[in-house]
PDB file of N, CA and C in Angstrom:
ATOM      1  N   UNK A   1     -21.537  -5.381   4.584  1.00  0.00           N
ATOM      2  CA  UNK A   1     -19.952  -5.561   3.852  1.00  0.00           C
ATOM      3  C   UNK A   1     -19.698  -5.434   2.726  1.00  0.00           C
ATOM      4  N   UNK A   2     -18.945  -4.356   2.269  1.00  0.00           N
ATOM      5  CA  UNK A   2     -18.665  -4.112   0.822  1.00  0.00           C
ATOM      6  C   UNK A   2     -18.007  -5.451   0.119  1.00  0.00           C
ATOM      7  N   UNK A   3     -18.372  -5.219  -1.198  1.00  0.00           N
ATOM      8  CA  UNK A   3     -17.796  -6.256  -1.645  1.00  0.00           C
ATOM      9  C   UNK A   3     -16.054  -5.582  -2.734  1.00  0.00           C
ATOM     10  N   UNK A   4     -15.037  -6.736  -2.460  1.00  0.00           N
ATOM     11  CA  UNK A   4     -13.784  -6.683  -2.884  1.00  0.00           C
ATOM     12  C   UNK A   4     -13.621  -5.906  -4.739  1.00  0.00           C
ATOM     13  N   UNK A   5     -13.493  -5.090  -4.641  1.00  0.00           N
ATOM     14  CA  UNK A   5     -13.638  -4.096  -6.467  1.00  0.00           C
ATOM     15  C   UNK A   5     -12.330  -3.765  -6.333  1.00  0.00           C
ATOM     16  N   UNK A   6     -11.757  -3.986  -7.933  1.00  0.00           N
ATOM     17  CA  UNK A   6     -10.638  -3.222  -8.293  1.00  0.00           C
ATOM     18  C   UNK A   6     -10.932  -1.617  -8.325  1.00  0.00           C
ATOM     19  N   UNK A   7     -10.268  -0.910  -7.585  1.00  0.00           N
ATOM     20  CA  UNK A   7     -10.159   0.703  -7.782  1.00  0.00           C
ATOM     21  C   UNK A   7      -8.668   0.992  -7.403  1.00  0.00           C
ATOM     22  N   UNK A   8      -8.556   1.731  -8.003  1.00  0.00           N
ATOM     23  CA  UNK A   8      -6.941   2.435  -8.249  1.00  0.00           C
ATOM     24  C   UNK A   8      -6.784   3.209  -7.466  1.00  0.00           C
ATOM     25  N   UNK A   9      -7.550   4.145  -6.774  1.00  0.00           N
ATOM     26  CA  UNK A   9      -7.948   5.287  -5.921  1.00  0.00           C
ATOM     27  C   UNK A   9      -7.353   4.544  -4.147  1.00  0.00           C
ATOM     28  N   UNK A  10      -8.018   3.286  -4.321  1.00  0.00           N
ATOM     29  CA  UNK A  10      -7.604   2.716  -2.772  1.00  0.00           C
ATOM     30  C   UNK A  10      -6.054   1.856  -2.751  1.00  0.00           C
ATOM     31  N   UNK A  11      -5.527   2.218  -3.636  1.00  0.00           N
ATOM     32  CA  UNK A  11      -4.140   2.230  -3.560  1.00  0.00           C
ATOM     33  C   UNK A  11      -3.271   2.883  -2.404  1.00  0.00           C
ATOM     34  N   UNK A  12      -2.689   2.251  -1.508  1.00  0.00           N
ATOM     35  CA  UNK A  12      -2.038   3.153  -0.519  1.00  0.00           C
ATOM     36  C   UNK A  12      -0.739   3.689  -0.963  1.00  0.00           C
ATOM     37  N   UNK A  13       0.034   4.588  -0.284  1.00  0.00           N
ATOM     38  CA  UNK A  13       1.478   5.341  -0.788  1.00  0.00           C
ATOM     39  C   UNK A  13       2.216   4.083  -0.546  1.00  0.00           C
ATOM     40  N   UNK A  14       1.776   3.261  -0.001  1.00  0.00           N
ATOM     41  CA  UNK A  14       3.111   2.330   0.540  1.00  0.00           C
ATOM     42  C   UNK A  14       3.072   0.631  -0.286  1.00  0.00           C
ATOM     43  N   UNK A  15       2.242   0.939  -1.321  1.00  0.00           N
ATOM     44  CA  UNK A  15       2.020  -0.475  -1.759  1.00  0.00           C
ATOM     45  C   UNK A  15       1.194  -1.600  -1.377  1.00  0.00           C
ATOM     46  N   UNK A  16       0.189  -0.982  -0.311  1.00  0.00           N
ATOM     47  CA  UNK A  16      -0.893  -1.817   0.208  1.00  0.00           C
ATOM     48  C   UNK A  16      -2.186  -1.744  -0.624  1.00  0.00           C
ATOM     49  N   UNK A  17      -3.683  -2.142  -0.444  1.00  0.00           N
ATOM     50  CA  UNK A  17      -4.662  -2.302  -1.297  1.00  0.00           C
ATOM     51  C   UNK A  17      -5.881  -2.208  -0.324  1.00  0.00           C
ATOM     52  N   UNK A  18      -6.253  -1.040  -0.014  1.00  0.00           N
ATOM     53  CA  UNK A  18      -7.285  -0.702   1.138  1.00  0.00           C
ATOM     54  C   UNK A  18      -8.809  -1.111   0.612  1.00  0.00           C
ATOM     55  N   UNK A  19      -8.964  -1.678  -0.450  1.00  0.00           N
ATOM     56  CA  UNK A  19      -9.578  -2.107  -0.917  1.00  0.00           C
ATOM     57  C   UNK A  19     -10.076  -3.542  -0.748  1.00  0.00           C
ATOM     58  N   UNK A  20      -9.232  -4.069  -0.059  1.00  0.00           N
ATOM     59  CA  UNK A  20      -9.817  -5.634   0.297  1.00  0.00           C
ATOM     60  C   UNK A  20      -9.155  -5.620   2.134  1.00  0.00           C
ATOM     61  N   UNK A  21      -9.126  -4.671   2.189  1.00  0.00           N
ATOM     62  CA  UNK A  21      -8.906  -4.531   4.011  1.00  0.00           C
ATOM     63  C   UNK A  21     -10.149  -4.636   4.785  1.00  0.00           C
ATOM     64  N   UNK A  22     -10.138  -5.348   5.705  1.00  0.00           N
ATOM     65  CA  UNK A  22     -11.618  -5.712   6.460  1.00  0.00           C
ATOM     66  C   UNK A  22     -12.471  -4.658   7.017  1.00  0.00           C
ATOM     67  N   UNK A  23     -11.336  -3.257   7.546  1.00  0.00           N
ATOM     68  CA  UNK A  23     -11.732  -2.356   8.033  1.00  0.00           C
ATOM     69  C   UNK A  23     -12.347  -1.686   7.068  1.00  0.00           C
ATOM     70  N   UNK A  24     -11.663  -1.293   5.846  1.00  0.00           N
ATOM     71  CA  UNK A  24     -12.512  -0.814   4.618  1.00  0.00           C
ATOM     72  C   UNK A  24     -13.829  -1.344   4.102  1.00  0.00           C
ATOM     73  N   UNK A  25     -13.986  -2.720   4.296  1.00  0.00           N
ATOM     74  CA  UNK A  25     -14.850  -3.455   3.573  1.00  0.00           C
ATOM     75  C   UNK A  25     -16.095  -3.473   4.713  1.00  0.00           C
ATOM     76  N   UNK A  26     -15.660  -3.403   5.917  1.00  0.00           N
ATOM     77  CA  UNK A  26     -16.614  -3.067   7.117  1.00  0.00           C
ATOM     78  C   UNK A  26     -17.174  -1.511   7.040  1.00  0.00           C
ATOM     79  N   UNK A  27     -16.864  -0.665   6.145  1.00  0.00           N
ATOM     80  CA  UNK A  27     -17.113   0.752   6.364  1.00  0.00           C
ATOM     81  C   UNK A  27     -16.417   1.470   7.446  1.00  0.00           C
ATOM     82  N   UNK A  28     -15.617   0.603   8.175  1.00  0.00           N
ATOM     83  CA  UNK A  28     -14.926   1.456   9.410  1.00  0.00           C
ATOM     84  C   UNK A  28     -13.802   2.374   8.784  1.00  0.00           C
ATOM     85  N   UNK A  29     -13.447   2.352   8.173  1.00  0.00           N
ATOM     86  CA  UNK A  29     -11.772   3.109   7.864  1.00  0.00           C
ATOM     87  C   UNK A  29     -12.437   3.575   5.912  1.00  0.00           C
ATOM     88  N   UNK A  30     -12.418   4.684   5.525  1.00  0.00           N
ATOM     89  CA  UNK A  30     -12.221   5.328   4.489  1.00  0.00           C
ATOM     90  C   UNK A  30     -11.222   5.135   3.622  1.00  0.00           C
ATOM     91  N   UNK A  31     -10.145   4.310   4.192  1.00  0.00           N
ATOM     92  CA  UNK A  31      -9.399   4.422   3.194  1.00  0.00           C
ATOM     93  C   UNK A  31      -8.029   4.901   3.669  1.00  0.00           C
ATOM     94  N   UNK A  32      -7.038   4.934   3.426  1.00  0.00           N
ATOM     95  CA  UNK A  32      -5.503   5.630   4.002  1.00  0.00           C
ATOM     96  C   UNK A  32      -5.277   7.218   3.235  1.00  0.00           C
ATOM     97  N   UNK A  33      -5.990   6.910   1.858  1.00  0.00           N
ATOM     98  CA  UNK A  33      -5.854   7.923   1.300  1.00  0.00           C
ATOM     99  C   UNK A  33      -6.450   9.345   1.699  1.00  0.00           C
ATOM    100  N   UNK A  34      -7.725   8.639   2.710  1.00  0.00           N
ATOM    101  CA  UNK A  34      -8.836   9.697   3.227  1.00  0.00           C
ATOM    102  C   UNK A  34      -8.673   9.674   4.386  1.00  0.00           C
ATOM    103  N   UNK A  35      -8.731   8.583   5.614  1.00  0.00           N
ATOM    104  CA  UNK A  35      -8.928   8.922   6.683  1.00  0.00           C
ATOM    105  C   UNK A  35      -7.635   9.480   7.441  1.00  0.00           C
ATOM    106  N   UNK A  36      -8.032  10.711   8.332  1.00  0.00           N
ATOM    107  CA  UNK A  36      -6.926  11.402   9.085  1.00  0.00           C
ATOM    108  C   UNK A  36      -6.306  10.974  10.226  1.00  0.00           C
ATOM    109  N   UNK A  37      -6.614   9.554  10.645  1.00  0.00           N
ATOM    110  CA  UNK A  37      -6.352   8.565  11.177  1.00  0.00           C
ATOM    111  C   UNK A  37      -4.465   8.428  10.593  1.00  0.00           C
ATOM    112  N   UNK A  38      -4.782   8.393   9.630  1.00  0.00           N
ATOM    113  CA  UNK A  38      -3.135   8.045   9.118  1.00  0.00           C
ATOM    114  C   UNK A  38      -2.437   9.213   8.623  1.00  0.00           C
ATOM    115  N   UNK A  39      -2.667   9.992   9.393  1.00  0.00           N
ATOM    116  CA  UNK A  39      -1.773  11.577   9.049  1.00  0.00           C
ATOM    117  C   UNK A  39      -0.203  11.727   9.525  1.00  0.00           C
ATOM    118  N   UNK A  40      -0.274  10.898  10.394  1.00  0.00           N
ATOM    119  CA  UNK A  40       1.104  10.329  11.361  1.00  0.00           C
ATOM    120  C   UNK A  40       1.823   9.770  10.694  1.00  0.00           C
ATOM    121  N   UNK A  41       1.166   9.044   9.338  1.00  0.00           N
ATOM    122  CA  UNK A  41       2.063   7.945   8.986  1.00  0.00           C
ATOM    123  C   UNK A  41       3.291   8.615   7.764  1.00  0.00           C
ATOM    124  N   UNK A  42       4.592   7.741   7.900  1.00  0.00           N
ATOM    125  CA  UNK A  42       5.777   8.479   7.457  1.00  0.00           C
ATOM    126  C   UNK A  42       6.009   8.626   6.267  1.00  0.00           C
ATOM    127  N   UNK A  43       5.277   6.887   5.661  1.00  0.00           N
ATOM    128  CA  UNK A  43       5.209   7.158   3.893  1.00  0.00           C
ATOM    129  C   UNK A  43       4.158   7.582   3.358  1.00  0.00           C
ATOM    130  N   UNK A  44       3.161   7.891   4.149  1.00  0.00           N
ATOM    131  CA  UNK A  44       2.130   8.672   3.628  1.00  0.00           C
ATOM    132  C   UNK A  44       2.377  10.143   3.024  1.00  0.00           C
ATOM    133  N   UNK A  45       3.131  10.847   4.468  1.00  0.00           N
ATOM    134  CA  UNK A  45       3.461  12.162   4.268  1.00  0.00           C
ATOM    135  C   UNK A  45       4.755  12.276   3.565  1.00  0.00           C
ATOM    136  N   UNK A  46       5.665  11.331   3.467  1.00  0.00           N
ATOM    137  CA  UNK A  46       6.716  11.065   2.610  1.00  0.00           C
ATOM    138  C   UNK A  46       6.403  11.234   1.167  1.00  0.00           C
ATOM    139  N   UNK A  47       5.642  10.585   0.549  1.00  0.00           N
ATOM    140  CA  UNK A  47       4.764  10.274  -1.100  1.00  0.00           C
ATOM    141  C   UNK A  47       4.002  11.981  -0.935  1.00  0.00           C
ATOM    142  N   UNK A  48       3.371  12.706   0.157  1.00  0.00           N
ATOM    143  CA  UNK A  48       2.622  13.795  -0.243  1.00  0.00           C
ATOM    144  C   UNK A  48       3.273  14.627  -0.284  1.00  0.00           C
ATOM    145  N   UNK A  49       4.407  14.560   0.329  1.00  0.00           N
ATOM    146  CA  UNK A  49       5.626  15.960   0.654  1.00  0.00           C
ATOM    147  C   UNK A  49       6.046  16.043  -0.473  1.00  0.00           C
ATOM    148  N   UNK A  50       6.269  14.923  -1.410  1.00  0.00           N
ATOM    149  CA  UNK A  50       7.054  14.643  -2.626  1.00  0.00           C
ATOM    150  C   UNK A  50       6.206  14.676  -3.947  1.00  0.00           C
ATOM    151  N   UNK A  51       4.817  14.934  -3.968  1.00  0.00           N
ATOM    152  CA  UNK A  51       4.029  14.561  -4.830  1.00  0.00           C
ATOM    153  C   UNK A  51       3.639  13.618  -5.537  1.00  0.00           C
ATOM    154  N   UNK A  52       4.070  12.328  -4.745  1.00  0.00           N
ATOM    155  CA  UNK A  52       3.995  10.751  -5.275  1.00  0.00           C
ATOM    156  C   UNK A  52       2.510  10.384  -4.967  1.00  0.00           C
ATOM    157  N   UNK A  53       2.041   9.527  -6.242  1.00  0.00           N
ATOM    158  CA  UNK A  53       1.014   8.824  -5.933  1.00  0.00           C
ATOM    159  C   UNK A  53       1.162   7.839  -5.095  1.00  0.00           C
ATOM    160  N   UNK A  54       2.266   7.247  -5.308  1.00  0.00           N
ATOM    161  CA  UNK A  54       2.970   6.090  -4.066  1.00  0.00           C
ATOM    162  C   UNK A  54       4.290   6.102  -4.107  1.00  0.00           C
ATOM    163  N   UNK A  55       4.973   4.981  -3.379  1.00  0.00           N
ATOM    164  CA  UNK A  55       6.199   5.040  -3.453  1.00  0.00           C
ATOM    165  C   UNK A  55       6.773   4.436  -4.770  1.00  0.00           C
ATOM    166  N   UNK A  56       6.173   3.672  -5.437  1.00  0.00           N
ATOM    167  CA  UNK A  56       6.403   3.240  -6.939  1.00  0.00           C
ATOM    168  C   UNK A  56       6.855   4.621  -7.582  1.00  0.00           C
ATOM    169  N   UNK A  57       6.700   6.043  -7.509  1.00  0.00           N
ATOM    170  CA  UNK A  57       6.818   7.320  -7.852  1.00  0.00           C
ATOM    171  C   UNK A  57       8.196   7.496  -7.835  1.00  0.00           C
ATOM    172  N   UNK A  58       9.022   7.097  -6.810  1.00  0.00           N
ATOM    173  CA  UNK A  58      10.040   7.490  -5.901  1.00  0.00           C
ATOM    174  C   UNK A  58      11.184   7.159  -6.696  1.00  0.00           C
ATOM    175  N   UNK A  59      11.868   8.118  -7.372  1.00  0.00           N
ATOM    176  CA  UNK A  59      13.545   7.722  -7.874  1.00  0.00           C
ATOM    177  C   UNK A  59      14.621   7.271  -7.025  1.00  0.00           C
ATOM    178  N   UNK A  60      14.693   8.115  -5.994  1.00  0.00           N
ATOM    179  CA  UNK A  60      15.740   7.734  -4.904  1.00  0.00           C
ATOM    180  C   UNK A  60      15.752   6.498  -4.106  1.00  0.00           C
ATOM    181  N   UNK A  61      14.714   6.017  -4.176  1.00  0.00           N
ATOM    182  CA  UNK A  61      14.887   4.737  -3.393  1.00  0.00           C
ATOM    183  C   UNK A  61      14.315   3.575  -4.840  1.00  0.00           C
ATOM    184  N   UNK A  62      14.977   3.291  -5.802  1.00  0.00           N
ATOM    185  CA  UNK A  62      14.381   2.474  -6.621  1.00  0.00           C
ATOM    186  C   UNK A  62      14.416   1.264  -6.068  1.00  0.00           C
ATOM    187  N   UNK A  63      15.151   1.066  -5.470  1.00  0.00           N
ATOM    188  CA  UNK A  63      15.397  -0.173  -4.530  1.00  0.00           C
ATOM    189  C   UNK A  63      14.956   0.171  -3.095  1.00  0.00           C
ATOM    190  N   UNK A  64      13.674  -0.591  -3.101  1.00  0.00           N
ATOM    191  CA  UNK A  64      12.646  -0.139  -1.278  1.00  0.00           C
ATOM    192  C   UNK A  64      13.433  -0.448  -0.253  1.00  0.00           C
ATOM    193  N   UNK A  65      14.401  -1.634  -0.240  1.00  0.00           N
ATOM    194  CA  UNK A  65      14.794  -1.863   0.500  1.00  0.00           C
ATOM    195  C   UNK A  65      16.006  -0.897   1.481  1.00  0.00           C
ATOM    196  N   UNK A  66      16.224   0.329   0.729  1.00  0.00           N
ATOM    197  CA  UNK A  66      17.233   1.081   1.050  1.00  0.00           C
ATOM    198  C   UNK A  66      16.344   1.828   2.034  1.00  0.00           C
ATOM    199  N   UNK A  67      15.079   2.057   1.678  1.00  0.00           N
ATOM    200  CA  UNK A  67      14.197   3.302   2.071  1.00  0.00           C
ATOM    201  C   UNK A  67      14.341   2.923   4.037  1.00  0.00           C
ATOM    202  N   UNK A  68      14.106   3.905   4.500  1.00  0.00           N
ATOM    203  CA  UNK A  68      14.026   3.529   5.924  1.00  0.00           C
ATOM    204  C   UNK A  68      12.799   3.780   6.558  1.00  0.00           C
ATOM    205  N   UNK A  69      11.951   4.584   5.542  1.00  0.00           N
ATOM    206  CA  UNK A  69      10.547   4.583   6.023  1.00  0.00           C
ATOM    207  C   UNK A  69       9.810   3.302   5.486  1.00  0.00           C
ATOM    208  N   UNK A  70      10.071   2.569   4.702  1.00  0.00           N
ATOM    209  CA  UNK A  70       9.267   1.480   4.324  1.00  0.00           C
ATOM    210  C   UNK A  70       9.588   0.257   5.032  1.00  0.00           C
ATOM    211  N   UNK A  71      11.224   0.308   5.568  1.00  0.00           N
ATOM    212  CA  UNK A  71      12.090  -0.572   6.559  1.00  0.00           C
ATOM    213  C   UNK A  71      11.957  -0.592   7.701  1.00  0.00           C
ATOM    214  N   UNK A  72      11.201   0.376   8.454  1.00  0.00           N
ATOM    215  CA  UNK A  72      11.086   0.473   9.305  1.00  0.00           C
ATOM    216  C   UNK A  72      10.898  -0.794  10.441  1.00  0.00           C
ATOM    217  N   UNK A  73      11.362  -0.169  11.713  1.00  0.00           N
ATOM    218  CA  UNK A  73      10.867  -1.551  12.651  1.00  0.00           C
ATOM    219  C   UNK A  73       9.894  -2.255  12.593  1.00  0.00           C
ATOM    220  N   UNK A  74       8.821  -1.047  12.583  1.00  0.00           N
ATOM    221  CA  UNK A  74       7.393  -1.796  12.935  1.00  0.00           C
ATOM    222  C   UNK A  74       7.110  -2.402  11.816  1.00  0.00           C
ATOM    223  N   UNK A  75       7.163  -2.223  10.106  1.00  0.00           N
ATOM    224  CA  UNK A  75       6.846  -2.668   9.286  1.00  0.00           C
ATOM    225  C   UNK A  75       7.724  -3.933   9.103  1.00  0.00           C
ATOM    226  N   UNK A  76       8.965  -4.542   9.452  1.00  0.00           N
ATOM    227  CA  UNK A  76       9.463  -5.346   9.426  1.00  0.00           C
ATOM    228  C   UNK A  76       8.905  -6.417  10.433  1.00  0.00           C
ATOM    229  N   UNK A  77       8.511  -5.987  11.940  1.00  0.00           N
ATOM    230  CA  UNK A  77       7.725  -6.631  12.459  1.00  0.00           C
ATOM    231  C   UNK A  77       5.830  -7.290  11.949  1.00  0.00           C
ATOM    232  N   UNK A  78       5.370  -6.195  11.373  1.00  0.00           N
ATOM    233  CA  UNK A  78       4.526  -6.710  11.083  1.00  0.00           C
ATOM    234  C   UNK A  78       4.443  -7.462   9.696  1.00  0.00           C
ATOM    235  N   UNK A  79       5.490  -7.354   8.764  1.00  0.00           N
ATOM    236  CA  UNK A  79       5.667  -7.781   7.420  1.00  0.00           C
ATOM    237  C   UNK A  79       6.244  -9.472   7.984  1.00  0.00           C
ATOM    238  N   UNK A  80       6.570  -9.641   9.155  1.00  0.00           N
ATOM    239  CA  UNK A  80       6.731 -11.152   9.647  1.00  0.00           C
ATOM    240  C   UNK A  80       5.667 -11.772   9.932  1.00  0.00           C
ATOM    241  N   UNK A  81       4.966 -11.105  10.775  1.00  0.00           N
ATOM    242  CA  UNK A  81       3.357 -11.721  11.357  1.00  0.00           C
ATOM    243  C   UNK A  81       2.579 -12.204  10.180  1.00  0.00           C
ATOM    244  N   UNK A  82       2.485 -10.958   9.547  1.00  0.00           N
ATOM    245  CA  UNK A  82       1.178 -10.734   8.254  1.00  0.00           C
ATOM    246  C   UNK A  82       1.760 -11.472   6.938  1.00  0.00           C
ATOM    247  N   UNK A  83       2.976 -11.719   7.107  1.00  0.00           N
ATOM    248  CA  UNK A  83       4.006 -12.296   5.693  1.00  0.00           C
ATOM    249  C   UNK A  83       3.494 -11.750   4.569  1.00  0.00           C
ATOM    250  N   UNK A  84       3.486 -10.284   4.582  1.00  0.00           N
ATOM    251  CA  UNK A  84       3.244  -9.138   3.425  1.00  0.00           C
ATOM    252  C   UNK A  84       4.714  -8.717   2.821  1.00  0.00           C
ATOM    253  N   UNK A  85       4.456  -8.508   1.657  1.00  0.00           N
ATOM    254  CA  UNK A  85       5.375  -8.204   0.989  1.00  0.00           C
ATOM    255  C   UNK A  85       5.413  -6.914   0.049  1.00  0.00           C
ATOM    256  N   UNK A  86       5.685  -5.798   0.832  1.00  0.00           N
ATOM    257  CA  UNK A  86       5.615  -4.591   0.419  1.00  0.00           C
ATOM    258  C   UNK A  86       6.628  -3.936  -0.587  1.00  0.00           C
ATOM    259  N   UNK A  87       7.417  -4.343  -0.927  1.00  0.00           N
ATOM    260  CA  UNK A  87       8.299  -4.186  -1.709  1.00  0.00           C
ATOM    261  C   UNK A  87       7.840  -4.360  -3.212  1.00  0.00           C
ATOM    262  N   UNK A  88       7.174  -5.629  -2.901  1.00  0.00           N
ATOM    263  CA  UNK A  88       6.870  -6.614  -4.312  1.00  0.00           C
ATOM    264  C   UNK A  88       5.699  -5.818  -4.450  1.00  0.00           C
ATOM    265  N   UNK A  89       4.596  -4.998  -3.794  1.00  0.00           N
ATOM    266  CA  UNK A  89       3.265  -4.355  -4.382  1.00  0.00           C
ATOM    267  C   UNK A  89       4.184  -3.133  -4.999  1.00  0.00           C
ATOM    268  N   UNK A  90       5.038  -2.695  -4.143  1.00  0.00           N
ATOM    269  CA  UNK A  90       5.673  -1.167  -5.159  1.00  0.00           C
ATOM    270  C   UNK A  90       5.962  -1.770  -6.162  1.00  0.00           C
ATOM    271  N   UNK A  91       6.791  -2.713  -6.522  1.00  0.00           N
ATOM    272  CA  UNK A  91       7.336  -3.288  -7.637  1.00  0.00           C
ATOM    273  C   UNK A  91       6.814  -3.389  -8.611  1.00  0.00           C
ATOM    274  N   UNK A  92       5.921  -4.139  -8.308  1.00  0.00           N
ATOM    275  CA  UNK A  92       4.171  -4.292  -9.294  1.00  0.00           C
ATOM    276  C   UNK A  92       3.785  -3.224  -9.620  1.00  0.00           C
ATOM    277  N   UNK A  93       3.404  -2.241  -8.475  1.00  0.00           N
ATOM    278  CA  UNK A  93       2.918  -0.770  -9.336  1.00  0.00           C
ATOM    279  C   UNK A  93       3.894  -0.157 -10.102  1.00  0.00           C
ATOM    280  N   UNK A  94       5.086  -0.140  -9.660  1.00  0.00           N
ATOM    281  CA  UNK A  94       6.217   0.728 -10.574  1.00  0.00           C
ATOM    282  C   UNK A  94       6.142  -0.037 -12.122  1.00  0.00           C
ATOM    283  N   UNK A  95       6.394  -1.335 -12.304  1.00  0.00           N
ATOM    284  CA  UNK A  95       6.485  -2.166 -13.282  1.00  0.00           C
ATOM    285  C   UNK A  95       5.141  -2.810 -14.281  1.00  0.00           C
ATOM    286  N   UNK A  96       3.859  -2.412 -13.580  1.00  0.00           N
ATOM    287  CA  UNK A  96       2.783  -2.519 -14.305  1.00  0.00           C
ATOM    288  C   UNK A  96       1.069  -1.517 -14.433  1.00  0.00           C
ATOM    289  N   UNK A  97       1.524  -0.944 -13.271  1.00  0.00           N
ATOM    290  CA  UNK A  97       1.209   0.188 -12.912  1.00  0.00           C
ATOM    291  C   UNK A  97      -0.491  -0.101 -11.626  1.00  0.00           C
ATOM    292  N   UNK A  98      -0.876   0.599 -11.255  1.00  0.00           N
ATOM    293  CA  UNK A  98      -1.803   0.550 -10.609  1.00  0.00           C
ATOM    294  C   UNK A  98      -2.849  -0.504 -10.797  1.00  0.00           C
ATOM    295  N   UNK A  99      -3.742  -0.173 -12.038  1.00  0.00           N
ATOM    296  CA  UNK A  99      -4.868  -0.953 -12.561  1.00  0.00           C
ATOM    297  C   UNK A  99      -4.302  -2.492 -12.042  1.00  0.00           C
ATOM    298  N   UNK A 100      -3.032  -2.630 -12.707  1.00  0.00           N
ATOM    299  CA  UNK A 100      -2.929  -4.024 -12.637  1.00  0.00           C
ATOM    300  C   UNK A 100      -2.713  -4.492 -11.130  1.00  0.00           C
ATOM    301  N   UNK A 101      -2.193  -3.742 -10.488  1.00  0.00           N
ATOM    302  CA  UNK A 101      -2.271  -4.056  -8.767  1.00  0.00           C
ATOM    303  C   UNK A 101      -3.468  -4.599  -8.513  1.00  0.00           C
ATOM    304  N   UNK A 102      -4.374  -3.543  -8.573  1.00  0.00           N
ATOM    305  CA  UNK A 102      -5.332  -3.814  -7.808  1.00  0.00           C
ATOM    306  C   UNK A 102      -6.781  -4.749  -8.391  1.00  0.00           C
ATOM    307  N   UNK A 103      -6.153  -5.167  -9.847  1.00  0.00           N
ATOM    308  CA  UNK A 103      -6.549  -6.434 -10.081  1.00  0.00           C
ATOM    309  C   UNK A 103      -6.184  -7.506  -9.289  1.00  0.00           C
ATOM    310  N   UNK A 104      -5.068  -7.780  -9.276  1.00  0.00           N
ATOM    311  CA  UNK A 104      -4.313  -9.033  -8.725  1.00  0.00           C
ATOM    312  C   UNK A 104      -4.999  -9.048  -7.180  1.00  0.00           C
ATOM    313  N   UNK A 105      -5.020  -7.867  -6.674  1.00  0.00           N
ATOM    314  CA  UNK A 105      -5.215  -7.990  -5.068  1.00  0.00           C
ATOM    315  C   UNK A 105      -7.185  -8.209  -4.932  1.00  0.00           C
ATOM    316  N   UNK A 106      -7.787  -7.651  -6.383  1.00  0.00           N
ATOM    317  CA  UNK A 106      -9.025  -7.894  -6.266  1.00  0.00           C
ATOM    318  C   UNK A 106      -9.055  -9.862  -6.252  1.00  0.00           C
ATOM    319  N   UNK A 107      -8.190 -10.185  -7.070  1.00  0.00           N
ATOM    320  CA  UNK A 107      -8.681 -11.493  -7.831  1.00  0.00           C
ATOM    321  C   UNK A 107      -8.251 -12.642  -6.147  1.00  0.00           C
ATOM    322  N   UNK A 108      -7.026 -11.855  -5.673  1.00  0.00           N
ATOM    323  CA  UNK A 108      -6.409 -12.648  -4.146  1.00  0.00           C
ATOM    324  C   UNK A 108      -7.140 -12.367  -3.350  1.00  0.00           C
ATOM    325  N   UNK A 109      -8.191 -11.263  -3.337  1.00  0.00           N
ATOM    326  CA  UNK A 109      -8.611 -10.992  -2.021  1.00  0.00           C
ATOM    327  C   UNK A 109      -8.176 -10.349  -1.007  1.00  0.00           C
ATOM    328  N   UNK A 110      -6.939 -10.005  -1.183  1.00  0.00           N
ATOM    329  CA  UNK A 110      -5.706  -9.861  -0.222  1.00  0.00           C
ATOM    330  C   UNK A 110      -5.449  -8.149  -0.365  1.00  0.00           C
ATOM    331  N   UNK A 111      -4.849  -7.457   0.548  1.00  0.00           N
ATOM    332  CA  UNK A 111      -4.352  -6.228   0.869  1.00  0.00           C
ATOM    333  C   UNK A 111      -2.968  -6.113   0.471  1.00  0.00           C
ATOM    334  N   UNK A 112      -2.101  -7.080   0.182  1.00  0.00           N
ATOM    335  CA  UNK A 112      -0.564  -7.121   0.299  1.00  0.00           C
ATOM    336  C   UNK A 112      -0.184  -8.247  -0.755  1.00  0.00           C
ATOM    337  N   UNK A 113       0.799  -8.176  -1.302  1.00  0.00           N
ATOM    338  CA  UNK A 113       1.491  -9.485  -1.785  1.00  0.00           C
ATOM    339  C   UNK A 113       1.853 -10.307  -0.624  1.00  0.00           C
ATOM    340  N   UNK A 114       1.757 -11.567  -0.951  1.00  0.00           N
ATOM    341  CA  UNK A 114       2.353 -12.358  -0.097  1.00  0.00           C
ATOM    342  C   UNK A 114       3.249 -12.744   0.233  1.00  0.00           C
ATOM    343  N   UNK A 115       4.426 -13.057   1.066  1.00  0.00           N
ATOM    344  CA  UNK A 115       5.633 -13.697   0.746  1.00  0.00           C
ATOM    345  C   UNK A 115       5.569 -14.894   0.521  1.00  0.00           C
TER     346      UNK A 115
END
C-alpha cells in the first residue's frame, strides 16, 4: 500500500484528494485525472471542457452551491453518508491553492474536508 503524500496532481476536479483514497493507495485506481472510469463524471468533463484545473477556477459559480453538477442528487446523498464538504475543499483550493489543500489532506489523512 502506498503512503499518503502531498501531491497537487492528485487533487480532483471537484475538490477531493485522490492521494488519500483507499483505492488509489492500494493501487486499484490511478486517480481521477488519469482513470478512464471517471470519463463519465460531469464535474470532471465540465472542467476539462473549460480548461479548468479544478472547480476552484470557475468564475461562473464562485458560490459552488449554485452549481448543479457539484450539488446534484448523488453528490448530496454521498455527502450526507460520508460527511464531506466538497464546497469547502473547492474554497480552500481557491483561496490557498492546491499545495495547501494537499498538505491539509495529507496531515488529516483524508480525501475530503469533513463537515
